[in-house]
N, C-alpha and C. Protein backbone atom coordinates (compact mmCIF):
# COMPACT_ATOMS: atom_id res chain seq x y z
N MET A 1 -35.51 51.27 22.72
CA MET A 1 -34.69 50.97 22.21
C MET A 1 -33.95 52.23 21.59
N LEU A 2 -34.49 53.33 21.37
CA LEU A 2 -33.57 54.32 21.35
C LEU A 2 -32.43 54.49 21.76
N ALA A 3 -32.45 54.35 23.14
CA ALA A 3 -31.28 54.41 24.04
C ALA A 3 -29.91 53.56 23.26
N ALA A 4 -30.88 52.60 22.78
CA ALA A 4 -29.90 51.23 22.26
C ALA A 4 -29.42 51.73 21.07
N LEU A 5 -29.61 52.78 20.33
CA LEU A 5 -29.53 52.63 18.57
C LEU A 5 -28.71 53.87 19.16
N THR A 6 -29.27 54.88 20.02
CA THR A 6 -27.96 56.34 20.21
C THR A 6 -27.23 56.03 20.91
N GLY A 7 -27.25 55.21 21.68
CA GLY A 7 -25.71 55.18 23.27
C GLY A 7 -24.66 55.17 22.49
N PRO A 8 -24.37 53.91 22.10
CA PRO A 8 -22.69 54.33 21.31
C PRO A 8 -21.89 55.90 20.68
N VAL A 9 -23.16 56.12 19.78
CA VAL A 9 -22.36 57.27 19.30
C VAL A 9 -22.53 58.27 20.04
N LEU A 10 -23.27 58.47 21.51
CA LEU A 10 -23.49 59.57 22.01
C LEU A 10 -22.49 58.55 23.47
N GLY A 11 -21.86 57.82 23.43
CA GLY A 11 -21.32 57.39 24.28
C GLY A 11 -19.40 57.85 23.73
N LEU A 12 -19.60 57.62 22.55
CA LEU A 12 -18.00 58.01 21.42
C LEU A 12 -18.13 59.68 22.06
N ILE A 13 -18.75 60.15 21.51
CA ILE A 13 -18.97 61.87 21.61
C ILE A 13 -18.81 62.54 23.10
N VAL A 14 -19.12 62.43 23.64
CA VAL A 14 -19.19 62.61 25.28
C VAL A 14 -17.55 62.34 25.60
N GLY A 15 -17.50 60.80 25.52
CA GLY A 15 -16.14 60.34 26.08
C GLY A 15 -14.92 61.04 25.31
N SER A 16 -14.97 61.32 23.99
CA SER A 16 -14.01 62.12 23.28
C SER A 16 -13.81 63.10 23.95
N ALA A 17 -15.11 64.00 23.70
CA ALA A 17 -15.03 65.57 24.17
C ALA A 17 -14.09 65.58 25.48
N ALA A 18 -15.04 65.01 26.36
CA ALA A 18 -14.65 64.88 28.22
C ALA A 18 -12.89 64.61 28.29
N ALA A 19 -12.64 63.54 27.65
CA ALA A 19 -10.81 63.16 27.70
C ALA A 19 -10.14 64.24 27.22
N MET A 20 -10.63 64.97 25.76
CA MET A 20 -10.05 65.64 24.83
C MET A 20 -8.82 66.90 25.65
N LEU A 21 -9.99 67.39 27.27
CA LEU A 21 -9.42 68.28 27.96
C LEU A 21 -8.01 67.60 28.70
N ARG A 22 -8.24 66.85 28.49
CA ARG A 22 -6.97 66.33 29.59
C ARG A 22 -5.56 65.42 28.35
N HIS A 23 -6.03 65.53 27.12
CA HIS A 23 -4.94 64.80 25.67
C HIS A 23 -5.40 63.57 26.07
N ARG A 24 -6.53 63.21 26.20
CA ARG A 24 -6.42 61.60 26.36
C ARG A 24 -7.91 61.19 25.65
N ALA A 25 -7.72 61.32 24.46
CA ALA A 25 -8.95 61.59 23.80
C ALA A 25 -9.28 59.73 22.83
N ARG A 26 -7.83 58.97 22.48
CA ARG A 26 -8.15 58.02 22.29
C ARG A 26 -8.73 57.01 23.62
N ARG A 27 -7.99 56.82 24.78
CA ARG A 27 -9.26 56.42 25.97
C ARG A 27 -10.47 57.00 26.68
N GLY A 28 -10.59 58.26 26.62
CA GLY A 28 -11.81 58.62 26.65
C GLY A 28 -12.85 58.35 25.36
N ALA A 29 -12.33 58.11 24.26
CA ALA A 29 -12.93 57.71 23.10
C ALA A 29 -13.66 55.84 23.50
N VAL A 30 -12.07 55.46 23.87
CA VAL A 30 -13.08 53.89 24.05
C VAL A 30 -13.91 53.68 25.56
N ALA A 31 -13.61 54.37 26.20
CA ALA A 31 -14.87 54.51 27.74
C ALA A 31 -15.43 54.80 27.35
N GLY A 32 -16.27 56.06 25.92
CA GLY A 32 -17.43 56.38 26.10
C GLY A 32 -18.28 55.34 25.71
N LEU A 33 -17.55 55.00 24.10
CA LEU A 33 -18.31 54.01 23.38
C LEU A 33 -18.11 52.70 24.29
N LEU A 34 -17.48 52.23 25.16
CA LEU A 34 -18.10 51.44 26.04
C LEU A 34 -19.23 51.25 26.76
N PHE A 35 -19.29 52.24 27.35
CA PHE A 35 -20.10 52.78 28.19
C PHE A 35 -21.42 53.41 27.42
N GLY A 36 -21.48 53.40 26.48
CA GLY A 36 -22.58 53.85 25.19
C GLY A 36 -23.31 52.21 24.57
N VAL A 37 -22.39 51.25 24.96
CA VAL A 37 -22.90 50.08 24.60
C VAL A 37 -23.65 49.29 25.17
N VAL A 38 -23.88 49.62 26.80
CA VAL A 38 -24.46 49.20 27.67
C VAL A 38 -25.71 48.94 27.53
N PRO A 39 -26.39 50.37 27.06
CA PRO A 39 -28.22 50.20 26.25
C PRO A 39 -28.08 49.04 25.35
N CYS A 40 -27.26 48.96 24.48
CA CYS A 40 -27.32 47.94 23.17
C CYS A 40 -27.28 46.36 23.99
N ALA A 41 -26.44 46.48 24.88
CA ALA A 41 -26.46 45.21 25.62
C ALA A 41 -27.84 44.84 26.32
N VAL A 42 -28.14 45.88 26.63
CA VAL A 42 -29.48 45.76 27.96
C VAL A 42 -30.43 45.12 27.01
N TYR A 43 -30.24 46.05 26.10
CA TYR A 43 -31.81 45.77 25.40
C TYR A 43 -31.40 44.37 24.59
N GLY A 44 -30.45 44.03 24.16
CA GLY A 44 -30.34 42.66 23.62
C GLY A 44 -30.80 41.33 24.68
N LEU A 45 -30.16 41.40 25.88
CA LEU A 45 -30.77 40.56 27.17
C LEU A 45 -31.89 40.48 27.16
N TRP A 46 -32.35 41.88 27.52
CA TRP A 46 -33.86 41.79 27.51
C TRP A 46 -34.62 40.98 26.70
N ARG A 47 -34.19 41.29 25.58
CA ARG A 47 -34.94 40.26 24.47
C ARG A 47 -34.65 38.46 24.19
N LEU A 48 -33.56 38.67 24.86
CA LEU A 48 -33.23 37.28 25.18
C LEU A 48 -33.92 36.48 26.20
N PHE A 49 -34.00 37.32 26.96
CA PHE A 49 -34.47 36.67 28.27
C PHE A 49 -35.87 36.63 27.95
N ASN A 50 -37.17 37.21 27.26
CA ASN A 50 -37.91 37.26 26.80
C ASN A 50 -38.32 36.22 26.08
N ALA A 51 -37.29 35.69 25.33
CA ALA A 51 -37.51 34.51 24.20
C ALA A 51 -37.14 33.27 25.23
N ILE A 52 -36.34 33.37 26.33
CA ILE A 52 -36.03 32.08 26.45
C ILE A 52 -37.04 32.06 28.05
N THR A 53 -37.38 32.62 28.06
CA THR A 53 -38.99 32.26 29.16
C THR A 53 -40.24 32.58 28.88
N ASP A 54 -40.52 32.66 27.32
CA ASP A 54 -41.72 32.52 26.12
C ASP A 54 -41.66 30.90 26.21
N LYS A 55 -40.13 30.54 25.49
CA LYS A 55 -40.17 28.77 25.54
C LYS A 55 -40.35 28.24 26.86
N LEU A 56 -39.70 28.55 27.78
CA LEU A 56 -39.64 27.69 29.14
C LEU A 56 -40.79 27.97 29.64
N GLY A 57 -41.07 29.15 29.80
CA GLY A 57 -42.35 29.69 31.40
C GLY A 57 -41.66 30.10 32.00
N LEU A 58 -42.37 30.85 32.42
CA LEU A 58 -41.73 31.97 33.65
C LEU A 58 -41.60 31.36 34.96
N ASP A 59 -42.70 30.56 35.46
CA ASP A 59 -42.31 30.04 36.74
C ASP A 59 -42.01 28.73 36.94
N SER A 60 -41.22 28.06 35.92
CA SER A 60 -40.48 26.61 35.66
C SER A 60 -39.11 26.76 36.24
N VAL A 61 -38.75 25.34 36.49
CA VAL A 61 -37.15 25.87 37.22
C VAL A 61 -36.20 25.40 35.99
N ALA A 62 -36.52 24.42 35.44
CA ALA A 62 -35.93 24.94 33.81
C ALA A 62 -35.63 26.30 33.49
N ASN A 63 -36.52 27.48 33.24
CA ASN A 63 -36.20 28.55 33.03
C ASN A 63 -35.09 29.33 34.07
N LEU A 64 -35.13 28.74 35.65
CA LEU A 64 -34.60 29.44 36.28
C LEU A 64 -33.10 29.26 36.46
N VAL A 65 -32.86 27.79 36.23
CA VAL A 65 -31.54 27.64 36.32
C VAL A 65 -30.70 28.05 34.93
N PHE A 66 -31.73 27.49 33.66
CA PHE A 66 -31.08 28.23 31.99
C PHE A 66 -30.42 29.48 32.31
N GLN A 67 -31.90 30.46 32.89
CA GLN A 67 -30.96 31.53 32.76
C GLN A 67 -30.30 32.10 34.02
N LEU A 68 -30.05 31.33 34.64
CA LEU A 68 -28.92 31.54 36.04
C LEU A 68 -27.66 31.04 35.40
N MET A 69 -27.67 30.23 34.84
CA MET A 69 -26.30 29.74 34.21
C MET A 69 -25.70 30.44 33.09
N LEU A 70 -27.26 30.98 32.19
CA LEU A 70 -26.84 31.47 30.76
C LEU A 70 -26.22 33.35 31.44
N PHE A 71 -26.85 33.46 31.88
CA PHE A 71 -26.32 35.30 32.50
C PHE A 71 -25.02 35.38 33.81
N SER A 72 -24.56 34.29 34.16
CA SER A 72 -23.70 33.88 35.24
C SER A 72 -22.23 34.11 34.38
N ALA A 73 -22.54 33.45 32.83
CA ALA A 73 -21.40 32.83 31.95
C ALA A 73 -21.24 34.34 31.25
N MET A 74 -21.96 34.45 31.04
CA MET A 74 -22.37 36.27 29.37
C MET A 74 -21.17 36.86 30.55
N GLY A 75 -21.48 37.31 31.92
CA GLY A 75 -21.31 38.40 33.06
C GLY A 75 -19.94 38.09 33.14
N ALA A 76 -19.42 37.09 33.01
CA ALA A 76 -17.54 36.66 33.33
C ALA A 76 -17.42 37.53 32.15
N VAL A 77 -17.87 36.43 30.72
CA VAL A 77 -17.13 36.71 29.73
C VAL A 77 -17.31 38.39 29.32
N VAL A 78 -18.34 39.08 29.69
CA VAL A 78 -17.95 40.20 29.52
C VAL A 78 -17.34 41.26 30.23
N GLY A 79 -17.28 40.94 31.44
CA GLY A 79 -16.29 41.69 32.67
C GLY A 79 -14.81 40.79 32.09
N THR A 80 -14.15 39.91 31.94
CA THR A 80 -13.17 39.35 30.77
C THR A 80 -13.12 40.44 30.03
N ALA A 81 -13.41 40.62 29.22
CA ALA A 81 -13.14 41.45 27.96
C ALA A 81 -12.83 42.95 28.52
N VAL A 82 -13.79 43.27 28.82
CA VAL A 82 -13.44 44.85 29.49
C VAL A 82 -13.03 44.99 30.46
N ALA A 83 -12.13 44.30 31.27
CA ALA A 83 -11.34 44.70 31.79
C ALA A 83 -9.98 44.43 31.21
N ARG A 84 -9.60 43.69 30.12
CA ARG A 84 -8.58 43.36 29.48
C ARG A 84 -8.43 44.62 28.12
N ILE A 85 -10.05 44.99 27.61
CA ILE A 85 -9.93 46.71 26.81
C ILE A 85 -9.20 47.82 27.77
N VAL A 86 -9.91 47.77 29.25
CA VAL A 86 -9.42 49.00 30.05
C VAL A 86 -8.06 48.71 30.16
N ALA A 87 -7.41 47.48 30.66
CA ALA A 87 -5.98 47.47 30.25
C ALA A 87 -4.96 47.82 29.28
N LEU A 88 -5.55 47.39 28.23
CA LEU A 88 -5.21 47.39 26.89
C LEU A 88 -4.76 48.91 26.31
N VAL A 89 -5.77 49.75 26.84
CA VAL A 89 -5.68 51.50 26.42
C VAL A 89 -5.05 51.80 27.28
N SER A 90 -5.18 51.39 28.20
CA SER A 90 -4.43 52.15 29.65
C SER A 90 -3.05 51.91 29.54
N LYS A 91 -2.56 50.77 28.76
CA LYS A 91 -0.99 50.41 28.46
C LYS A 91 -0.48 51.34 27.68
N LYS A 92 -1.27 51.36 26.79
CA LYS A 92 -0.68 52.52 25.49
C LYS A 92 -0.95 53.58 25.54
N ILE A 93 -1.61 53.71 26.06
CA ILE A 93 -1.44 55.66 26.23
C ILE A 93 -0.69 56.22 27.74
C-alpha cells in the first residue's frame, strides 16, 4: 500500500528530473507519472481480485471465466490508453 501511495509522486519527480537532462521535462514527467501509477493499479486490481474470489470462490469455473474476461478487457483498455498517451506526448514535444 505504501508503494501505491508514493508511486505517482516519486515517478513524477524521477521522470521529470531524468528528462530535464535532455530538455524534455514534460515527456519525462508524463512517463514518470505513468510508471508511478503502476503500483496504484496493481493494488486496486489485487483488491478487486480478492473481492471477486471471496464472492465466487477460489476454485469455481465462474470465478475463472469472470476473472479472465474482466482482466483481459481491462488490459486491452489500459494498453490502448497508454499507447495513445505516449503518442500524444511524443507528437507535441
